[in-house]
Amino acid sequence: MRVLVHGSELAAATAAAALSWVGHSVVWRPHASEDWTTLTKSGWLTSEPQLKERLEEAVTTGHLRILAADETPDEGAAFDVLWLALSPEQRGDAAEAVAQASAALSPEAVLINNSTFPVGDTDQLEAGFGGRHAVALADLLEEGRAWEAFTRPSRWLLGCDDDAAEHQVRELLRAFNRRREVFQRMPRRAAELTKLAINGMLATRISYMNEIAGLADSLGVDVEHVRQGMGADTRIGYEYLYPGCGFGGPNFSRDLMRLADVQSASGRHSALLDQVVDINEHKKETLFRKLWAHYHGRLEGRVVAIWGAAFKPGTARIDHAPVLTLLRALWAQGVRVRLHDPAAVGALRERLGEHPLLELFDGDPFEASEGADALMLVTEWKAYWNPDWPRLAGQLTGRLLLDGRNIYDPAHVASMGLHYRGIGRRADP
């Protein structure tokens, strides 16, 4: 099939790479705000496993053509599919993008709205699509494993009100539906709401578990026992029950706010979502509060090492990442920060510029921890899971380890002569 992809989101890049990989003829038009030249320099694209290599391979084989900023699809090209993957901030450009692309589409073309827009936007896009059909395909990709999620999907959440459009989407994605049936079809508006509701539920589980971790701290209970007991209940399960120092990311945070907006637009205020957001923002400061308590508020002039800045392992993005809140709190107290991240240093430099209280490292993590009063683990990159403990203990002058993801065994850390503080976990009173 001939496919026109429009947008510069991870969903657009992954669709362009994967669809051309299985033989479709794909033309990708990145959004004007982030053309291909810009994208090739972005940390999130270069750090996403396989993606950039797959895109370059598809261009080489001729299955993919990436349009420059001033190029437009050839009129009369007769594309069978328009794949739209725009960010919520680019929502205002969607109708114009569809109108501009219409001249290059076949009369039977289908619009696949892979953007996370408010409920009902796919209906509006179809109204301006020249009598053709539009479907809502929820963006369920996970940063750090987008290629795997697209090419070996656990499911496709398809909002579709027309059988012929469903058939065309199934044919487009047939190569990724061979192992088992992964399509779940429902009405368009239901699919749009389901996408937002999923992330709302996941965020609620995380914030609830963080509340329980805070309570465990107060009661002197190890929250790991609580987590194991809750997860063993088949009505609950273990997913998203890991307490931590807050969640971030462009999609998760945006979807949560989008769901709140949908509630507000419908005349319904969600006190629950407000609480979920408030708990998460409060949790982003939890490592700072533990540091403050340990040193009794005497923080000026101290040196803190931070391992991890990206909002999650496997990505270079720092959108809404807990580290941003943490840095502001530390700097306000005159704390000098030595920060290591294997992928997100470039994004930090671009976001924060030069700061007199910040040193950045992307090589050996131990460079950042040398001579620090404390080490804060913020992002659980695999390179941090099993450090050289004697070396680390010798480096940390304050011998304090603040584990923001509960990846270490408190007793083992304590046996190395370090003071351990986790999220609802501790090795000593």
Protein backbone atom coordinates (compact mmCIF):
# COMPACT_ATOMS: atom_id res chain seq x y z
CA MET A 1 0.00 0.00 0.00
CA ARG A 2 1.03 3.63 -0.50
CA VAL A 3 1.19 5.45 2.83
CA LEU A 4 1.66 9.12 3.67
CA VAL A 5 2.84 9.69 7.26
CA HIS A 6 2.57 13.17 8.72
CA GLY A 7 4.11 14.28 12.03
CA SER A 8 7.34 14.29 14.05
CA GLU A 9 6.21 12.31 17.07
CA LEU A 10 7.75 8.97 18.04
CA ALA A 11 4.59 7.37 16.66
CA ALA A 12 5.19 8.94 13.23
CA ALA A 13 8.84 7.92 13.05
CA THR A 14 8.06 4.36 14.15
CA ALA A 15 5.17 3.98 11.71
CA ALA A 16 7.32 5.26 8.83
CA ALA A 17 10.11 2.82 9.68
CA ALA A 18 7.96 -0.24 10.39
CA LEU A 19 5.51 0.12 7.49
CA SER A 20 8.32 0.58 4.95
CA TRP A 21 10.19 -2.36 6.54
CA VAL A 22 7.36 -4.75 5.58
CA GLY A 23 7.14 -3.54 1.98
CA HIS A 24 4.70 -0.65 1.96
CA SER A 25 5.70 2.40 -0.08
CA VAL A 26 5.94 5.19 2.51
CA VAL A 27 6.39 8.93 2.23
CA TRP A 28 7.03 10.65 5.56
CA ARG A 29 6.41 14.35 5.98
CA PRO A 30 7.71 15.49 9.39
CA HIS A 31 5.95 18.41 11.03
CA ALA A 32 7.36 21.80 10.04
CA SER A 33 8.52 22.44 13.62
CA GLU A 34 10.83 19.39 13.53
CA ASP A 35 12.02 18.48 10.05
CA TRP A 36 14.22 15.47 9.33
CA THR A 37 17.44 17.44 9.74
CA THR A 38 16.33 18.48 13.22
CA LEU A 39 15.14 15.01 14.13
CA THR A 40 18.45 13.37 13.21
CA LYS A 41 20.10 15.43 15.95
CA SER A 42 17.47 14.79 18.60
CA GLY A 43 18.44 12.62 21.52
CA TRP A 44 15.16 10.72 21.69
CA LEU A 45 15.44 9.45 18.11
CA THR A 46 19.10 8.46 18.28
CA SER A 47 18.62 6.68 21.62
CA GLU A 48 15.48 4.76 20.60
CA PRO A 49 16.67 1.18 19.90
CA GLN A 50 16.79 0.28 16.18
CA LEU A 51 14.61 3.16 15.04
CA LYS A 52 17.07 5.53 13.35
CA GLU A 53 18.90 2.60 11.73
CA ARG A 54 15.62 1.22 10.37
CA LEU A 55 14.66 4.60 8.94
CA GLU A 56 18.01 5.00 7.18
CA GLU A 57 17.80 1.42 5.88
CA ALA A 58 14.31 2.05 4.45
CA VAL A 59 15.51 5.20 2.69
CA THR A 60 18.42 3.26 1.19
CA THR A 61 16.17 0.47 -0.10
CA GLY A 62 13.75 3.00 -1.59
CA HIS A 63 10.72 1.96 0.46
CA LEU A 64 10.78 5.25 2.38
CA ARG A 65 11.06 8.82 1.19
CA ILE A 66 11.43 11.56 3.79
CA LEU A 67 10.27 14.96 2.61
CA ALA A 68 12.30 18.08 3.31
CA ALA A 69 10.73 21.01 5.12
CA ASP A 70 9.72 22.78 1.91
CA GLU A 71 8.50 19.67 0.07
CA THR A 72 4.91 18.51 -0.29
CA PRO A 73 3.51 15.18 -1.53
CA ASP A 74 2.93 14.99 -5.26
CA GLU A 75 -0.67 15.77 -6.18
CA GLY A 76 -2.43 12.76 -7.64
CA ALA A 77 0.01 10.35 -6.00
CA ALA A 78 -3.00 8.25 -4.91
CA PHE A 79 -1.90 7.34 -1.40
CA ASP A 80 -4.10 4.67 0.19
CA VAL A 81 -3.52 5.80 3.79
CA LEU A 82 -2.85 9.09 5.55
CA TRP A 83 -1.22 8.34 8.91
CA LEU A 84 -1.48 11.35 11.21
CA ALA A 85 0.70 11.44 14.34
CA LEU A 86 0.82 14.95 15.80
CA SER A 87 1.45 16.10 19.36
CA PRO A 88 -1.44 17.60 21.37
CA GLU A 89 0.24 21.01 20.97
CA GLN A 90 -0.03 20.61 17.17
CA ARG A 91 -3.75 19.84 17.26
CA GLY A 92 -4.54 23.13 15.54
CA ASP A 93 -2.51 22.03 12.52
CA ALA A 94 -4.37 18.75 12.01
CA ALA A 95 -7.26 19.98 9.84
CA GLU A 96 -4.90 21.93 7.57
CA ALA A 97 -2.57 18.94 7.26
CA VAL A 98 -5.46 16.72 6.23
CA ALA A 99 -6.71 19.30 3.73
CA GLN A 100 -3.25 19.73 2.18
CA ALA A 101 -2.77 15.98 1.86
CA SER A 102 -6.17 15.33 0.29
CA ALA A 103 -5.00 16.12 -3.24
CA ALA A 104 -2.43 13.34 -3.01
CA LEU A 105 -4.87 10.69 -1.73
CA SER A 106 -6.96 8.14 -3.59
CA PRO A 107 -10.76 8.45 -3.37
CA GLU A 108 -10.85 5.36 -1.10
CA ALA A 109 -8.03 6.50 1.19
CA VAL A 110 -8.37 6.08 4.96
CA LEU A 111 -7.20 8.57 7.56
CA ILE A 112 -5.56 6.90 10.56
CA ASN A 113 -5.51 9.37 13.44
CA ASN A 114 -2.62 8.12 15.61
CA SER A 115 -2.48 11.41 17.55
CA THR A 116 -3.64 11.80 21.14
CA PHE A 117 -6.32 14.42 20.71
CA PRO A 118 -9.49 15.15 22.70
CA VAL A 119 -12.42 12.78 22.36
CA GLY A 120 -14.33 13.53 19.16
CA ASP A 121 -11.47 14.99 17.12
CA THR A 122 -11.36 12.02 14.72
CA ASP A 123 -15.03 12.66 13.93
CA GLN A 124 -14.17 16.28 13.10
CA LEU A 125 -11.23 15.25 10.92
CA GLU A 126 -13.43 12.86 8.97
CA ALA A 127 -15.92 15.66 8.32
CA GLY A 128 -13.17 17.54 6.44
CA PHE A 129 -11.79 14.46 4.69
CA GLY A 130 -13.74 14.72 1.46
CA GLY A 131 -16.20 11.90 2.12
CA ARG A 132 -13.48 9.41 3.03
CA HIS A 133 -13.37 7.48 6.29
CA ALA A 134 -11.23 8.16 9.36
CA VAL A 135 -10.27 5.83 12.19
CA ALA A 136 -8.70 6.43 15.60
CA LEU A 137 -5.70 4.20 16.31
CA ALA A 138 -4.54 4.70 19.88
CA ASP A 139 -0.84 5.44 20.33
CA LEU A 140 0.23 2.68 22.74
CA LEU A 141 3.97 2.88 22.08
CA GLU A 142 6.42 2.91 24.97
CA GLU A 143 9.53 5.05 24.71
CA GLY A 144 12.64 2.90 24.78
CA ARG A 145 10.90 -0.02 23.05
CA ALA A 146 8.82 1.63 20.33
CA TRP A 147 10.10 -0.61 17.51
CA GLU A 148 9.32 -3.77 19.47
CA ALA A 149 5.90 -2.47 20.53
CA PHE A 150 4.92 -1.65 16.92
CA THR A 151 6.29 -4.75 15.21
CA ARG A 152 5.26 -7.24 17.94
CA PRO A 153 2.16 -5.57 19.39
CA SER A 154 0.20 -6.97 22.29
CA ARG A 155 -2.84 -5.26 20.79
CA TRP A 156 -4.07 -2.53 18.46
CA LEU A 157 -6.84 -0.38 19.95
CA LEU A 158 -8.86 0.64 16.88
CA GLY A 159 -11.67 3.15 16.93
CA CYS A 160 -13.61 2.53 13.73
CA ASP A 161 -17.19 3.05 12.62
CA ASP A 162 -16.91 1.56 9.12
CA ASP A 163 -16.22 -2.06 8.08
CA ALA A 164 -14.36 -1.12 4.88
CA ALA A 165 -12.04 1.18 6.80
CA GLU A 166 -11.34 -1.59 9.31
CA HIS A 167 -10.44 -3.95 6.47
CA GLN A 168 -8.00 -1.43 5.02
CA VAL A 169 -6.30 -0.87 8.40
CA ARG A 170 -6.05 -4.61 8.96
CA GLU A 171 -4.40 -5.06 5.57
CA LEU A 172 -1.96 -2.24 6.30
CA LEU A 173 -0.92 -3.85 9.60
CA ARG A 174 -1.30 -7.50 8.56
CA ALA A 175 2.42 -8.21 8.98
CA PHE A 176 2.12 -7.27 12.66
CA ASN A 177 -1.00 -9.34 13.32
CA ARG A 178 0.21 -12.80 12.33
CA ARG A 179 1.06 -14.41 15.68
CA ARG A 180 -2.40 -13.87 17.11
CA GLU A 181 -5.39 -11.58 16.78
CA VAL A 182 -4.37 -8.25 18.30
CA PHE A 183 -7.11 -5.91 17.04
CA GLN A 184 -9.68 -4.63 19.50
CA ARG A 185 -12.29 -2.62 17.63
CA MET A 186 -14.70 -0.18 19.20
CA PRO A 187 -16.38 3.10 18.20
CA ARG A 188 -13.99 6.00 17.53
CA ARG A 189 -14.93 8.12 20.52
CA ALA A 190 -14.71 5.09 22.82
CA ALA A 191 -11.17 4.34 21.59
CA GLU A 192 -10.08 7.95 22.13
CA LEU A 193 -11.41 7.93 25.69
CA THR A 194 -9.96 4.46 26.38
CA LYS A 195 -6.46 5.64 25.47
CA LEU A 196 -6.67 8.48 28.00
CA ALA A 197 -8.36 6.29 30.61
CA ILE A 198 -5.57 3.69 30.45
CA ASN A 199 -2.86 6.18 31.34
CA GLY A 200 -5.11 7.73 33.95
CA MET A 201 -5.47 4.34 35.64
CA LEU A 202 -1.73 3.63 35.48
CA ALA A 203 -0.92 7.03 36.94
CA THR A 204 -3.45 6.44 39.71
CA ARG A 205 -1.82 3.12 40.62
CA ILE A 206 1.61 4.74 40.79
CA SER A 207 0.43 7.64 42.93
CA TYR A 208 -1.51 5.32 45.22
CA MET A 209 1.55 3.13 45.71
CA ASN A 210 3.63 6.22 46.45
CA GLU A 211 1.10 7.21 49.12
CA ILE A 212 1.39 3.74 50.67
CA ALA A 213 5.20 4.05 50.59
CA GLY A 214 4.97 7.32 52.51
CA LEU A 215 2.73 5.68 55.08
CA ALA A 216 5.13 2.74 55.35
CA ASP A 217 7.95 5.18 56.04
CA SER A 218 5.98 6.74 58.87
CA LEU A 219 5.11 3.38 60.42
CA GLY A 220 8.56 1.82 60.06
CA VAL A 221 7.26 -0.80 57.62
CA ASP A 222 9.22 -2.01 54.59
CA VAL A 223 6.96 -1.19 51.65
CA GLU A 224 8.42 -4.09 49.64
CA HIS A 225 6.48 -6.52 51.82
CA VAL A 226 3.33 -4.51 51.18
CA ARG A 227 3.95 -4.42 47.42
CA GLN A 228 4.49 -8.16 47.26
CA GLY A 229 1.33 -8.80 49.27
CA MET A 230 -0.77 -6.49 47.11
CA GLY A 231 0.60 -7.86 43.84
CA ALA A 232 -0.12 -11.45 44.86
CA ASP A 233 -3.82 -10.58 44.96
CA THR A 234 -5.07 -11.56 41.49
CA ARG A 235 -7.54 -8.68 41.55
CA ILE A 236 -4.59 -6.26 41.68
CA GLY A 237 -1.45 -7.79 40.14
CA TYR A 238 2.09 -6.42 40.19
CA GLU A 239 2.09 -3.98 37.26
CA TYR A 240 2.73 -0.33 38.11
CA LEU A 241 2.96 -1.05 41.85
CA TYR A 242 6.54 0.15 42.19
CA PRO A 243 6.87 3.23 44.39
CA GLY A 244 9.38 5.81 43.26
CA CYS A 245 10.31 9.48 43.10
CA GLY A 246 7.58 10.41 40.61
CA PHE A 247 6.74 9.76 36.98
CA GLY A 248 7.26 12.00 33.96
CA GLY A 249 7.51 11.79 30.20
CA PRO A 250 5.80 13.61 27.34
CA ASN A 251 3.02 11.11 26.66
CA PHE A 252 2.11 9.92 30.16
CA SER A 253 1.94 13.41 31.63
CA ARG A 254 0.16 14.89 28.62
CA ASP A 255 -2.45 12.12 28.55
CA LEU A 256 -3.19 12.63 32.22
CA MET A 257 -3.73 16.35 31.69
CA ARG A 258 -5.72 15.65 28.54
CA LEU A 259 -8.03 13.35 30.49
CA ALA A 260 -8.50 16.10 33.07
CA ASP A 261 -9.33 18.52 30.24
CA VAL A 262 -11.90 16.09 28.82
CA GLN A 263 -13.50 15.82 32.26
CA SER A 264 -13.60 19.60 32.61
CA ALA A 265 -15.02 20.14 29.10
CA SER A 266 -17.82 17.71 29.89
CA GLY A 267 -18.75 19.69 32.98
CA ARG A 268 -17.33 17.11 35.37
CA HIS A 269 -14.46 18.01 37.70
CA SER A 270 -12.25 15.09 38.73
CA ALA A 271 -10.96 15.45 42.29
CA LEU A 272 -9.28 12.05 41.86
CA LEU A 273 -7.14 13.17 38.91
CA ASP A 274 -6.22 16.35 40.78
CA GLN A 275 -4.97 14.20 43.65
CA VAL A 276 -3.01 11.92 41.32
CA VAL A 277 -1.22 14.90 39.79
CA ASP A 278 -0.60 16.55 43.18
CA ILE A 279 0.81 13.36 44.71
CA ASN A 280 3.14 12.89 41.77
CA GLU A 281 4.45 16.46 41.88
CA HIS A 282 4.97 16.17 45.64
CA LYS A 283 6.82 12.87 45.18
CA LYS A 284 9.34 14.46 42.83
CA GLU A 285 10.78 16.28 45.86
CA THR A 286 10.94 13.21 48.12
CA LEU A 287 14.68 12.61 47.67
CA PHE A 288 15.38 16.23 48.49
CA ARG A 289 13.33 15.96 51.68
CA LYS A 290 15.22 12.83 52.71
CA LEU A 291 18.51 14.63 52.09
CA TRP A 292 17.30 17.61 54.13
CA ALA A 293 16.29 15.37 57.03
CA HIS A 294 19.58 13.46 57.00
CA TYR A 295 21.65 16.65 57.18
CA HIS A 296 19.16 18.52 59.40
CA GLY A 297 18.69 21.25 56.79
CA ARG A 298 22.39 22.11 56.56
CA LEU A 299 22.79 21.71 52.80
CA GLU A 300 24.55 24.82 51.51
CA GLY A 301 27.90 23.96 49.94
CA ARG A 302 27.29 20.23 49.88
CA VAL A 303 27.88 18.08 46.79
CA VAL A 304 25.23 15.65 45.59
CA ALA A 305 25.70 13.09 42.82
CA ILE A 306 22.67 12.12 40.74
CA TRP A 307 22.51 8.98 38.63
CA GLY A 308 19.85 9.29 35.94
CA ALA A 309 17.97 12.25 34.46
CA ALA A 310 15.77 10.77 31.71
CA PHE A 311 12.14 10.26 32.73
CA LYS A 312 12.63 6.50 32.23
CA PRO A 313 15.42 4.13 31.13
CA GLY A 314 15.88 3.71 27.39
CA THR A 315 15.12 7.28 26.36
CA ALA A 316 16.91 10.63 26.24
CA ARG A 317 13.81 12.67 27.06
CA ILE A 318 13.48 14.73 30.22
CA ASP A 319 9.96 16.08 29.66
CA HIS A 320 8.30 16.46 33.10
CA ALA A 321 11.12 14.31 34.54
CA PRO A 322 11.47 14.26 38.35
CA VAL A 323 15.10 15.37 38.04
CA LEU A 324 14.01 18.86 36.96
CA THR A 325 12.05 19.43 40.17
CA LEU A 326 14.87 17.90 42.20
CA LEU A 327 17.51 20.17 40.67
CA ARG A 328 15.51 23.30 41.41
CA ALA A 329 15.13 22.28 45.06
CA LEU A 330 18.83 21.45 45.45
CA TRP A 331 20.04 24.64 43.80
CA ALA A 332 17.76 26.74 45.97
CA GLN A 333 19.76 25.44 48.95
CA GLY A 334 23.15 26.05 47.32
CA VAL A 335 23.87 22.37 46.65
CA ARG A 336 26.37 21.55 43.90
CA VAL A 337 25.18 18.71 41.66
CA ARG A 338 27.27 16.23 39.69
CA LEU A 339 24.86 14.41 37.37
CA HIS A 340 25.36 11.35 35.17
CA ASP A 341 23.02 9.98 32.51
CA PRO A 342 24.03 7.79 29.55
CA ALA A 343 21.59 9.44 27.12
CA ALA A 344 19.94 12.59 28.45
CA VAL A 345 22.92 14.91 29.01
CA GLY A 346 22.31 16.66 25.69
CA ALA A 347 18.66 17.29 26.54
CA LEU A 348 19.67 18.69 29.92
CA ARG A 349 22.18 21.07 28.36
CA GLU A 350 19.58 22.25 25.87
CA ARG A 351 16.95 22.71 28.58
CA LEU A 352 19.06 24.20 31.39
CA GLY A 353 22.07 25.72 29.65
CA GLU A 354 25.15 26.30 31.79
CA HIS A 355 24.57 26.43 35.53
CA PRO A 356 27.26 27.19 38.10
CA LEU A 357 26.01 24.43 40.41
CA LEU A 358 25.79 21.68 37.77
CA GLU A 359 28.35 19.34 36.23
CA LEU A 360 27.22 16.79 33.64
CA PHE A 361 28.73 13.39 32.84
CA ASP A 362 27.80 10.73 30.27
CA GLY A 363 30.74 8.34 30.53
CA ASP A 364 31.67 6.53 33.74
CA PRO A 365 28.97 7.03 36.43
CA PHE A 366 31.66 6.99 39.12
CA GLU A 367 33.03 10.26 37.75
CA ALA A 368 29.90 11.94 39.03
CA SER A 369 29.92 10.32 42.45
CA GLU A 370 33.55 11.14 43.33
CA GLY A 371 33.67 13.19 46.54
CA ALA A 372 29.89 13.58 46.88
CA ASP A 373 28.11 13.88 50.22
CA ALA A 374 25.25 11.76 48.85
CA LEU A 375 24.20 9.80 45.78
CA MET A 376 20.64 10.01 44.47
CA LEU A 377 19.41 7.28 42.11
CA VAL A 378 16.70 8.90 39.99
CA THR A 379 16.47 6.82 36.78
CA GLU A 380 17.01 3.07 36.98
CA TRP A 381 19.30 2.55 33.98
CA LYS A 382 20.66 -1.02 33.98
CA ALA A 383 24.22 0.32 34.26
CA TYR A 384 23.37 1.49 37.79
CA TRP A 385 21.94 -1.74 39.17
CA ASN A 386 25.18 -3.45 40.23
CA PRO A 387 27.85 -0.85 40.97
CA ASP A 388 31.27 -1.56 42.42
CA TRP A 389 30.12 -1.13 46.02
CA PRO A 390 33.54 -0.84 47.70
CA ARG A 391 34.53 1.81 45.16
CA LEU A 392 31.28 3.70 45.63
CA ALA A 393 31.53 3.56 49.41
CA GLY A 394 35.04 4.95 49.17
CA GLN A 395 33.90 7.83 46.96
CA LEU A 396 30.90 9.08 48.96
CA THR A 397 32.24 11.26 51.74
CA GLY A 398 28.80 11.46 53.33
CA ARG A 399 28.16 7.73 52.76
CA LEU A 400 24.49 8.39 51.98
CA LEU A 401 22.60 6.61 49.17
CA LEU A 402 19.09 7.81 48.30
CA ASP A 403 17.39 5.18 46.14
CA GLY A 404 14.55 6.85 44.24
CA ARG A 405 13.53 3.63 42.45
CA ASN A 406 14.02 0.99 45.16
CA ILE A 407 16.37 -1.04 42.97
CA TYR A 408 18.93 -1.82 45.69
CA ASP A 409 18.75 -4.23 48.61
CA PRO A 410 18.82 -2.07 51.75
CA ALA A 411 20.63 -4.66 53.87
CA HIS A 412 23.34 -5.18 51.25
CA VAL A 413 23.92 -1.43 50.87
CA ALA A 414 24.16 -1.09 54.65
CA SER A 415 26.67 -3.96 54.77
CA MET A 416 28.91 -1.85 52.51
CA GLY A 417 29.00 0.84 55.17
CA LEU A 418 26.51 3.18 53.49
CA HIS A 419 23.36 4.79 54.86
CA TYR A 420 20.41 3.65 52.71
CA ARG A 421 17.17 5.57 52.19
CA GLY A 422 14.60 4.40 49.64
CA ILE A 423 10.93 5.08 48.92
CA GLY A 424 9.27 3.39 51.88
CA ARG A 425 12.42 1.34 52.49
CA ARG A 426 15.35 1.78 54.82
CA ALA A 427 18.08 -0.40 56.25
CA ASP A 428 18.57 1.37 59.55
CA PRO A 429 16.36 3.33 61.94
